[in-house]
PDB file of N, CA and C in Angstrom:
ATOM      1  N   MET A   1       0.817  -1.142   0.061  1.00  0.00           N
ATOM      2  CA  MET A   1       0.091  -0.067   0.108  1.00  0.00           C
ATOM      3  C   MET A   1       0.776   1.317   0.106  1.00  0.00           C
ATOM      4  N   PRO A   2       0.636   2.126  -0.905  1.00  0.00           N
ATOM      5  CA  PRO A   2       1.447   3.260  -0.943  1.00  0.00           C
ATOM      6  C   PRO A   2       1.320   4.350   0.254  1.00  0.00           C
ATOM      7  N   GLN A   3       2.619   4.788   0.600  1.00  0.00           N
ATOM      8  CA  GLN A   3       2.688   5.810   1.636  1.00  0.00           C
ATOM      9  C   GLN A   3       2.110   7.118   1.416  1.00  0.00           C
ATOM     10  N   ILE A   4       1.203   7.840   2.211  1.00  0.00           N
ATOM     11  CA  ILE A   4       0.622   9.081   1.999  1.00  0.00           C
ATOM     12  C   ILE A   4       1.507  10.160   2.874  1.00  0.00           C
ATOM     13  N   TYR A   5       2.066  11.114   2.174  1.00  0.00           N
ATOM     14  CA  TYR A   5       2.946  12.227   2.757  1.00  0.00           C
ATOM     15  C   TYR A   5       2.055  13.457   2.733  1.00  0.00           C
ATOM     16  N   THR A   6       2.356  14.317   3.727  1.00  0.00           N
ATOM     17  CA  THR A   6       1.658  15.512   3.764  1.00  0.00           C
ATOM     18  C   THR A   6       2.562  16.394   2.905  1.00  0.00           C
ATOM     19  N   PRO A   7       1.930  17.507   2.450  1.00  0.00           N
ATOM     20  CA  PRO A   7       2.696  18.638   1.763  1.00  0.00           C
ATOM     21  C   PRO A   7       3.784  19.221   2.579  1.00  0.00           C
ATOM     22  N   GLU A   8       3.552  19.274   3.909  1.00  0.00           N
ATOM     23  CA  GLU A   8       4.740  19.929   4.580  1.00  0.00           C
ATOM     24  C   GLU A   8       5.809  19.069   4.716  1.00  0.00           C
ATOM     25  N   PHE A   9       5.565  17.728   4.741  1.00  0.00           N
ATOM     26  CA  PHE A   9       6.731  16.701   4.888  1.00  0.00           C
ATOM     27  C   PHE A   9       7.504  16.724   3.538  1.00  0.00           C
ATOM     28  N   LYS A  10       6.711  16.892   2.486  1.00  0.00           N
ATOM     29  CA  LYS A  10       7.351  16.777   1.101  1.00  0.00           C
ATOM     30  C   LYS A  10       8.263  18.056   1.037  1.00  0.00           C
ATOM     31  N   LYS A  11       7.694  19.181   1.481  1.00  0.00           N
ATOM     32  CA  LYS A  11       8.523  20.388   1.249  1.00  0.00           C
ATOM     33  C   LYS A  11       9.768  20.403   2.230  1.00  0.00           C
ATOM     34  N   LYS A  12       9.578  19.736   3.283  1.00  0.00           N
ATOM     35  CA  LYS A  12      10.780  19.530   4.238  1.00  0.00           C
ATOM     36  C   LYS A  12      11.898  18.731   3.545  1.00  0.00           C
ATOM     37  N   ILE A  13      11.490  17.563   2.828  1.00  0.00           N
ATOM     38  CA  ILE A  13      12.365  16.789   2.113  1.00  0.00           C
ATOM     39  C   ILE A  13      13.236  17.640   0.961  1.00  0.00           C
ATOM     40  N   VAL A  14      12.299  18.311   0.351  1.00  0.00           N
ATOM     41  CA  VAL A  14      12.831  19.030  -0.799  1.00  0.00           C
ATOM     42  C   VAL A  14      13.802  20.047  -0.232  1.00  0.00           C
ATOM     43  N   ARG A  15      13.498  20.768   0.921  1.00  0.00           N
ATOM     44  CA  ARG A  15      14.440  21.730   1.363  1.00  0.00           C
ATOM     45  C   ARG A  15      15.776  21.034   1.939  1.00  0.00           C
ATOM     46  N   LEU A  16      15.568  19.881   2.515  1.00  0.00           N
ATOM     47  CA  LEU A  16      16.893  19.278   2.831  1.00  0.00           C
ATOM     48  C   LEU A  16      17.831  19.006   1.633  1.00  0.00           C
ATOM     49  N   HIS A  17      17.122  18.565   0.635  1.00  0.00           N
ATOM     50  CA  HIS A  17      18.096  18.409  -0.644  1.00  0.00           C
ATOM     51  C   HIS A  17      18.398  19.657  -1.294  1.00  0.00           C
ATOM     52  N   GLU A  18      17.580  20.598  -1.545  1.00  0.00           N
ATOM     53  CA  GLU A  18      17.795  21.738  -2.278  1.00  0.00           C
ATOM     54  C   GLU A  18      18.752  22.699  -1.462  1.00  0.00           C
ATOM     55  N   GLU A  19      18.341  22.884  -0.287  1.00  0.00           N
ATOM     56  CA  GLU A  19      18.947  24.128   0.588  1.00  0.00           C
ATOM     57  C   GLU A  19      20.186  23.596   1.286  1.00  0.00           C
ATOM     58  N   GLU A  20      19.937  22.450   1.974  1.00  0.00           N
ATOM     59  CA  GLU A  20      21.114  21.847   2.756  1.00  0.00           C
ATOM     60  C   GLU A  20      21.992  21.015   2.031  1.00  0.00           C
ATOM     61  N   GLY A  21      21.678  20.641   0.891  1.00  0.00           N
ATOM     62  CA  GLY A  21      22.401  20.026   0.017  1.00  0.00           C
ATOM     63  C   GLY A  21      22.670  18.298   0.384  1.00  0.00           C
ATOM     64  N   ARG A  22      21.614  17.941   0.948  1.00  0.00           N
ATOM     65  CA  ARG A  22      21.714  16.512   1.418  1.00  0.00           C
ATOM     66  C   ARG A  22      21.473  15.685   0.086  1.00  0.00           C
ATOM     67  N   THR A  23      22.102  14.540   0.256  1.00  0.00           N
ATOM     68  CA  THR A  23      21.945  13.588  -1.001  1.00  0.00           C
ATOM     69  C   THR A  23      20.535  12.782  -0.812  1.00  0.00           C
ATOM     70  N   TYR A  24      20.090  12.272  -1.950  1.00  0.00           N
ATOM     71  CA  TYR A  24      18.965  11.534  -1.820  1.00  0.00           C
ATOM     72  C   TYR A  24      19.152  10.283  -0.956  1.00  0.00           C
ATOM     73  N   LYS A  25      20.382   9.656  -0.952  1.00  0.00           N
ATOM     74  CA  LYS A  25      20.959   8.449  -0.251  1.00  0.00           C
ATOM     75  C   LYS A  25      20.722   8.788   1.409  1.00  0.00           C
ATOM     76  N   SER A  26      21.202   9.981   1.715  1.00  0.00           N
ATOM     77  CA  SER A  26      21.201  10.286   3.139  1.00  0.00           C
ATOM     78  C   SER A  26      19.738  10.632   3.766  1.00  0.00           C
ATOM     79  N   ILE A  27      18.873  11.231   2.800  1.00  0.00           N
ATOM     80  CA  ILE A  27      17.491  11.381   3.057  1.00  0.00           C
ATOM     81  C   ILE A  27      16.647  10.125   3.114  1.00  0.00           C
ATOM     82  N   THR A  28      16.949   9.249   2.187  1.00  0.00           N
ATOM     83  CA  THR A  28      16.323   8.012   2.242  1.00  0.00           C
ATOM     84  C   THR A  28      16.684   7.074   3.438  1.00  0.00           C
ATOM     85  N   ALA A  29      17.931   7.193   4.023  1.00  0.00           N
ATOM     86  CA  ALA A  29      18.336   6.588   5.072  1.00  0.00           C
ATOM     87  C   ALA A  29      17.716   6.874   6.325  1.00  0.00           C
ATOM     88  N   GLU A  30      17.545   8.396   6.463  1.00  0.00           N
ATOM     89  CA  GLU A  30      16.949   8.867   7.631  1.00  0.00           C
ATOM     90  C   GLU A  30      15.440   8.849   7.677  1.00  0.00           C
ATOM     91  N   TYR A  31      14.793   8.985   6.548  1.00  0.00           N
ATOM     92  CA  TYR A  31      13.280   9.217   6.583  1.00  0.00           C
ATOM     93  C   TYR A  31      12.700   8.254   6.031  1.00  0.00           C
ATOM     94  N   GLY A  32      13.272   7.080   5.134  1.00  0.00           N
ATOM     95  CA  GLY A  32      12.714   5.968   4.729  1.00  0.00           C
ATOM     96  C   GLY A  32      11.765   6.271   3.342  1.00  0.00           C
ATOM     97  N   VAL A  33      12.103   7.323   2.780  1.00  0.00           N
ATOM     98  CA  VAL A  33      11.515   7.817   1.468  1.00  0.00           C
ATOM     99  C   VAL A  33      12.235   7.387   0.359  1.00  0.00           C
ATOM    100  N   SER A  34      11.729   6.788  -0.734  1.00  0.00           N
ATOM    101  CA  SER A  34      12.292   6.266  -1.884  1.00  0.00           C
ATOM    102  C   SER A  34      13.000   7.477  -2.740  1.00  0.00           C
ATOM    103  N   LYS A  35      14.186   7.155  -3.237  1.00  0.00           N
ATOM    104  CA  LYS A  35      14.854   8.255  -4.155  1.00  0.00           C
ATOM    105  C   LYS A  35      13.813   8.725  -5.226  1.00  0.00           C
ATOM    106  N   SER A  36      13.055   7.810  -5.798  1.00  0.00           N
ATOM    107  CA  SER A  36      12.320   8.383  -6.886  1.00  0.00           C
ATOM    108  C   SER A  36      11.199   9.327  -6.315  1.00  0.00           C
ATOM    109  N   SER A  37      10.838   9.106  -5.117  1.00  0.00           N
ATOM    110  CA  SER A  37       9.798  10.013  -4.512  1.00  0.00           C
ATOM    111  C   SER A  37      10.370  11.359  -4.266  1.00  0.00           C
ATOM    112  N   ILE A  38      11.488  11.443  -3.753  1.00  0.00           N
ATOM    113  CA  ILE A  38      12.449  12.564  -3.492  1.00  0.00           C
ATOM    114  C   ILE A  38      12.645  13.317  -4.815  1.00  0.00           C
ATOM    115  N   SER A  39      13.062  12.591  -5.830  1.00  0.00           N
ATOM    116  CA  SER A  39      13.321  13.191  -7.101  1.00  0.00           C
ATOM    117  C   SER A  39      11.942  13.839  -7.735  1.00  0.00           C
ATOM    118  N   LYS A  40      10.919  12.993  -7.587  1.00  0.00           N
ATOM    119  CA  LYS A  40       9.592  13.667  -8.115  1.00  0.00           C
ATOM    120  C   LYS A  40       9.149  14.946  -7.366  1.00  0.00           C
ATOM    121  N   TRP A  41       9.251  14.918  -6.069  1.00  0.00           N
ATOM    122  CA  TRP A  41       8.844  16.041  -5.334  1.00  0.00           C
ATOM    123  C   TRP A  41       9.806  17.233  -5.611  1.00  0.00           C
ATOM    124  N   CYS A  42      11.067  17.001  -5.873  1.00  0.00           N
ATOM    125  CA  CYS A  42      11.928  18.109  -6.267  1.00  0.00           C
ATOM    126  C   CYS A  42      11.596  18.687  -7.509  1.00  0.00           C
ATOM    127  N   MET A  43      11.170  17.743  -8.549  1.00  0.00           N
ATOM    128  CA  MET A  43      10.890  18.176  -9.954  1.00  0.00           C
ATOM    129  C   MET A  43       9.507  19.192  -9.767  1.00  0.00           C
ATOM    130  N   GLU A  44       8.546  18.554  -9.022  1.00  0.00           N
ATOM    131  CA  GLU A  44       7.291  19.150  -8.932  1.00  0.00           C
ATOM    132  C   GLU A  44       7.448  20.607  -8.165  1.00  0.00           C
ATOM    133  N   PHE A  45       8.309  20.532  -7.194  1.00  0.00           N
ATOM    134  CA  PHE A  45       8.490  21.922  -6.372  1.00  0.00           C
ATOM    135  C   PHE A  45       9.192  22.828  -7.478  1.00  0.00           C
ATOM    136  N   ALA A  46      10.245  22.467  -8.222  1.00  0.00           N
ATOM    137  CA  ALA A  46      10.804  23.290  -9.145  1.00  0.00           C
ATOM    138  C   ALA A  46       9.721  23.841 -10.300  1.00  0.00           C
ATOM    139  N   GLU A  47       8.893  22.946 -10.713  1.00  0.00           N
ATOM    140  CA  GLU A  47       7.865  23.540 -11.691  1.00  0.00           C
ATOM    141  C   GLU A  47       6.881  24.501 -11.018  1.00  0.00           C
ATOM    142  N   GLU A  48       6.512  24.342  -9.749  1.00  0.00           N
ATOM    143  CA  GLU A  48       5.702  25.158  -9.095  1.00  0.00           C
ATOM    144  C   GLU A  48       6.539  26.410  -8.977  1.00  0.00           C
ATOM    145  N   CYS A  49       7.688  26.453  -8.547  1.00  0.00           N
ATOM    146  CA  CYS A  49       8.443  27.727  -8.547  1.00  0.00           C
ATOM    147  C   CYS A  49       8.644  28.363  -9.828  1.00  0.00           C
ATOM    148  N   ARG A  50       8.682  27.682 -10.995  1.00  0.00           N
ATOM    149  CA  ARG A  50       8.797  28.434 -12.333  1.00  0.00           C
ATOM    150  C   ARG A  50       7.402  29.003 -12.520  1.00  0.00           C
ATOM    151  N   GLU A  51       6.320  28.418 -12.290  1.00  0.00           N
ATOM    152  CA  GLU A  51       5.001  28.852 -12.544  1.00  0.00           C
ATOM    153  C   GLU A  51       4.799  30.242 -11.708  1.00  0.00           C
ATOM    154  N   GLN A  52       5.239  30.104 -10.374  1.00  0.00           N
ATOM    155  CA  GLN A  52       5.055  31.412  -9.583  1.00  0.00           C
ATOM    156  C   GLN A  52       5.902  32.356 -10.070  1.00  0.00           C
ATOM    157  N   ALA A  53       7.187  32.143 -10.532  1.00  0.00           N
ATOM    158  CA  ALA A  53       8.045  33.098 -11.256  1.00  0.00           C
ATOM    159  C   ALA A  53       7.562  33.841 -12.553  1.00  0.00           C
ATOM    160  N   GLN A  54       6.708  32.957 -13.184  1.00  0.00           N
ATOM    161  CA  GLN A  54       5.995  33.585 -14.411  1.00  0.00           C
ATOM    162  C   GLN A  54       5.073  34.434 -14.028  1.00  0.00           C
ATOM    163  N   ALA A  55       4.316  34.052 -13.002  1.00  0.00           N
ATOM    164  CA  ALA A  55       3.211  35.031 -12.534  1.00  0.00           C
ATOM    165  C   ALA A  55       3.698  36.326 -11.885  1.00  0.00           C
ATOM    166  N   ASN A  56       4.841  36.296 -11.293  1.00  0.00           N
ATOM    167  CA  ASN A  56       5.356  37.371 -10.589  1.00  0.00           C
ATOM    168  C   ASN A  56       6.975  37.569 -10.772  1.00  0.00           C
ATOM    169  N   PRO A  57       7.319  38.027 -12.038  1.00  0.00           N
ATOM    170  CA  PRO A  57       8.668  37.986 -12.324  1.00  0.00           C
ATOM    171  C   PRO A  57       9.674  38.721 -11.498  1.00  0.00           C
ATOM    172  N   GLU A  58       9.081  39.711 -10.733  1.00  0.00           N
ATOM    173  CA  GLU A  58      10.069  40.644  -9.962  1.00  0.00           C
ATOM    174  C   GLU A  58      10.534  39.828  -8.669  1.00  0.00           C
ATOM    175  N   SER A  59       9.896  38.942  -8.167  1.00  0.00           N
ATOM    176  CA  SER A  59      10.181  38.309  -6.858  1.00  0.00           C
ATOM    177  C   SER A  59      10.913  36.897  -7.253  1.00  0.00           C
ATOM    178  N   LYS A  60      11.796  36.607  -6.369  1.00  0.00           N
ATOM    179  CA  LYS A  60      12.586  35.426  -6.497  1.00  0.00           C
ATOM    180  C   LYS A  60      11.790  34.324  -5.968  1.00  0.00           C
ATOM    181  N   SER A  61      11.813  33.164  -6.767  1.00  0.00           N
ATOM    182  CA  SER A  61      11.006  32.036  -6.318  1.00  0.00           C
ATOM    183  C   SER A  61      11.720  31.329  -5.013  1.00  0.00           C
ATOM    184  N   GLU A  62      10.898  30.473  -4.315  1.00  0.00           N
ATOM    185  CA  GLU A  62      11.413  29.880  -3.141  1.00  0.00           C
ATOM    186  C   GLU A  62      12.575  28.859  -3.500  1.00  0.00           C
ATOM    187  N   LEU A  63      12.490  28.469  -4.625  1.00  0.00           N
ATOM    188  CA  LEU A  63      13.587  27.493  -5.035  1.00  0.00           C
ATOM    189  C   LEU A  63      14.885  28.168  -5.319  1.00  0.00           C
ATOM    190  N   GLU A  64      14.892  29.336  -5.849  1.00  0.00           N
ATOM    191  CA  GLU A  64      15.950  30.310  -5.920  1.00  0.00           C
ATOM    192  C   GLU A  64      16.616  30.681  -4.781  1.00  0.00           C
ATOM    193  N   LEU A  65      15.636  31.042  -3.747  1.00  0.00           N
ATOM    194  CA  LEU A  65      16.084  31.409  -2.519  1.00  0.00           C
ATOM    195  C   LEU A  65      16.879  30.053  -1.795  1.00  0.00           C
ATOM    196  N   MET A  66      16.288  29.123  -1.887  1.00  0.00           N
ATOM    197  CA  MET A  66      16.940  27.913  -1.250  1.00  0.00           C
ATOM    198  C   MET A  66      18.345  27.701  -1.966  1.00  0.00           C
ATOM    199  N   GLN A  67      18.557  27.904  -3.198  1.00  0.00           N
ATOM    200  CA  GLN A  67      19.703  27.632  -3.938  1.00  0.00           C
ATOM    201  C   GLN A  67      20.781  28.668  -3.378  1.00  0.00           C
ATOM    202  N   GLU A  68      20.359  29.937  -3.275  1.00  0.00           N
ATOM    203  CA  GLU A  68      21.084  31.007  -2.987  1.00  0.00           C
ATOM    204  C   GLU A  68      21.663  30.755  -1.578  1.00  0.00           C
ATOM    205  N   ASN A  69      20.698  30.256  -0.628  1.00  0.00           N
ATOM    206  CA  ASN A  69      21.032  29.916   0.809  1.00  0.00           C
ATOM    207  C   ASN A  69      22.014  28.952   0.882  1.00  0.00           C
ATOM    208  N   ARG A  70      21.872  27.951   0.120  1.00  0.00           N
ATOM    209  CA  ARG A  70      22.931  26.835   0.042  1.00  0.00           C
ATOM    210  C   ARG A  70      24.322  27.393  -0.482  1.00  0.00           C
ATOM    211  N   ARG A  71      24.299  28.221  -1.425  1.00  0.00           N
ATOM    212  CA  ARG A  71      25.592  28.788  -2.010  1.00  0.00           C
ATOM    213  C   ARG A  71      26.157  29.560  -0.824  1.00  0.00           C
ATOM    214  N   LEU A  72      25.543  30.343  -0.206  1.00  0.00           N
ATOM    215  CA  LEU A  72      26.013  31.317   0.897  1.00  0.00           C
ATOM    216  C   LEU A  72      26.586  30.450   1.981  1.00  0.00           C
ATOM    217  N   ARG A  73      25.910  29.366   2.353  1.00  0.00           N
ATOM    218  CA  ARG A  73      26.355  28.439   3.310  1.00  0.00           C
ATOM    219  C   ARG A  73      27.667  27.842   2.925  1.00  0.00           C
ATOM    220  N   LYS A  74      27.678  27.454   1.738  1.00  0.00           N
ATOM    221  CA  LYS A  74      29.156  26.985   1.440  1.00  0.00           C
ATOM    222  C   LYS A  74      30.083  27.925   1.517  1.00  0.00           C
ATOM    223  N   GLU A  75      29.950  29.123   1.000  1.00  0.00           N
ATOM    224  CA  GLU A  75      30.807  30.188   0.837  1.00  0.00           C
ATOM    225  C   GLU A  75      31.243  30.644   2.331  1.00  0.00           C
ATOM    226  N   LEU A  76      30.245  30.649   3.287  1.00  0.00           N
ATOM    227  CA  LEU A  76      30.584  30.924   4.640  1.00  0.00           C
ATOM    228  C   LEU A  76      31.593  29.795   5.268  1.00  0.00           C
ATOM    229  N   GLU A  77      31.123  28.540   4.959  1.00  0.00           N
ATOM    230  CA  GLU A  77      32.038  27.517   5.459  1.00  0.00           C
ATOM    231  C   GLU A  77      33.493  27.577   5.036  1.00  0.00           C
ATOM    232  N   GLU A  78      33.536  27.939   3.783  1.00  0.00           N
ATOM    233  CA  GLU A  78      34.942  27.992   3.182  1.00  0.00           C
ATOM    234  C   GLU A  78      35.625  29.341   3.853  1.00  0.00           C
ATOM    235  N   ALA A  79      35.012  30.331   4.114  1.00  0.00           N
ATOM    236  CA  ALA A  79      35.541  31.528   4.682  1.00  0.00           C
ATOM    237  C   ALA A  79      36.057  31.211   6.216  1.00  0.00           C
ATOM    238  N   LYS A  80      35.165  30.295   6.787  1.00  0.00           N
ATOM    239  CA  LYS A  80      35.606  30.028   8.296  1.00  0.00           C
ATOM    240  C   LYS A  80      36.850  29.114   8.085  1.00  0.00           C
ATOM    241  N   LYS A  81      36.990  28.217   7.141  1.00  0.00           N
ATOM    242  CA  LYS A  81      38.104  27.343   7.188  1.00  0.00           C
ATOM    243  C   LYS A  81      39.400  28.248   6.717  1.00  0.00           C
ATOM    244  N   GLU A  82      39.289  29.185   5.882  1.00  0.00           N
ATOM    245  CA  GLU A  82      40.351  29.945   5.517  1.00  0.00           C
ATOM    246  C   GLU A  82      40.910  30.816   6.720  1.00  0.00           C
ATOM    247  N   ASN A  83      39.640  31.358   7.496  1.00  0.00           N
ATOM    248  CA  ASN A  83      40.106  32.068   8.821  1.00  0.00           C
ATOM    249  C   ASN A  83      40.788  31.327   9.761  1.00  0.00           C
ATOM    250  N   LEU A  84      40.479  30.008  10.073  1.00  0.00           N
ATOM    251  CA  LEU A  84      41.064  29.071  10.812  1.00  0.00           C
ATOM    252  C   LEU A  84      42.480  28.823  10.404  1.00  0.00           C
ATOM    253  N   PHE A  85      42.626  28.502   8.992  1.00  0.00           N
ATOM    254  CA  PHE A  85      43.973  28.399   8.716  1.00  0.00           C
ATOM    255  C   PHE A  85      44.820  29.666   8.952  1.00  0.00           C
ATOM    256  N   LEU A  86      44.429  30.877   8.668  1.00  0.00           N
ATOM    257  CA  LEU A  86      45.136  32.074   8.872  1.00  0.00           C
ATOM    258  C   LEU A  86      45.540  32.301  10.448  1.00  0.00           C
ATOM    259  N   LYS A  87      44.517  32.038  11.235  1.00  0.00           N
ATOM    260  CA  LYS A  87      44.910  32.069  12.645  1.00  0.00           C
ATOM    261  C   LYS A  87      45.870  31.080  13.151  1.00  0.00           C
ATOM    262  N   LYS A  88      46.006  29.800  12.550  1.00  0.00           N
ATOM    263  CA  LYS A  88      47.077  28.882  12.896  1.00  0.00           C
ATOM    264  C   LYS A  88      48.309  29.375  12.422  1.00  0.00           C
ATOM    265  N   ALA A  89      48.355  29.907  11.079  1.00  0.00           N
ATOM    266  CA  ALA A  89      49.537  30.409  10.504  1.00  0.00           C
ATOM    267  C   ALA A  89      50.180  31.470  11.338  1.00  0.00           C
ATOM    268  N   ALA A  90      49.347  32.532  11.654  1.00  0.00           N
ATOM    269  CA  ALA A  90      49.722  33.613  12.360  1.00  0.00           C
ATOM    270  C   ALA A  90      50.354  33.212  13.856  1.00  0.00           C
ATOM    271  N   ALA A  91      49.704  32.201  14.422  1.00  0.00           N
ATOM    272  CA  ALA A  91      50.250  31.574  15.685  1.00  0.00           C
ATOM    273  C   ALA A  91      51.717  30.950  15.464  1.00  0.00           C
ATOM    274  N   PHE A  92      51.671  30.119  14.347  1.00  0.00           N
ATOM    275  CA  PHE A  92      53.037  29.570  14.087  1.00  0.00           C
ATOM    276  C   PHE A  92      54.167  30.574  13.938  1.00  0.00           C
ATOM    277  N   PHE A  93      53.853  31.664  13.098  1.00  0.00           N
ATOM    278  CA  PHE A  93      54.849  32.526  12.916  1.00  0.00           C
ATOM    279  C   PHE A  93      55.201  33.456  14.033  1.00  0.00           C
ATOM    280  N   ALA A  94      54.077  33.750  14.819  1.00  0.00           N
ATOM    281  CA  ALA A  94      54.399  34.403  16.200  1.00  0.00           C
ATOM    282  C   ALA A  94      55.343  33.604  17.011  1.00  0.00           C
ATOM    283  N   LYS A  95      55.406  32.249  17.009  1.00  0.00           N
ATOM    284  CA  LYS A  95      56.264  31.523  17.829  1.00  0.00           C
ATOM    285  C   LYS A  95      57.709  31.568  17.164  1.00  0.00           C
ATOM    286  N   GLU A  96      57.639  31.721  15.922  1.00  0.00           N
ATOM    287  CA  GLU A  96      59.016  31.850  15.241  1.00  0.00           C
ATOM    288  C   GLU A  96      59.745  33.125  15.579  1.00  0.00           C
ATOM    289  N   ILE A  97      58.993  34.045  15.633  1.00  0.00           N
ATOM    290  CA  ILE A  97      59.720  35.329  16.000  1.00  0.00           C
ATOM    291  C   ILE A  97      60.243  35.493  17.232  1.00  0.00           C
ATOM    292  N   ASP A  98      59.488  34.723  18.232  1.00  0.00           N
ATOM    293  CA  ASP A  98      60.171  34.863  19.734  1.00  0.00           C
ATOM    294  C   ASP A  98      61.284  34.165  19.768  1.00  0.00           C
TER     295      ASP A  98
END
């Protein structure tokens, strides 16, 4: 018998994939949802966002906001790694000077 999922649950799964960058495999392992269902929900959500964008071209669609949020999270993580590296390098060179 097919499982019935609420729209809120589907949107949560799509958000995990699109915004947080989670793989189908990790979502499937955690929530027990098939890869094909996740893929289908993502395509449906993307289509819904395209339709909304056509109706109101001035505003960004929710999918675009999710993708931008994902990109910014990656950029922030990279900046944090670079900052940590520079702190360690500064500490190393400070020891060398003494």
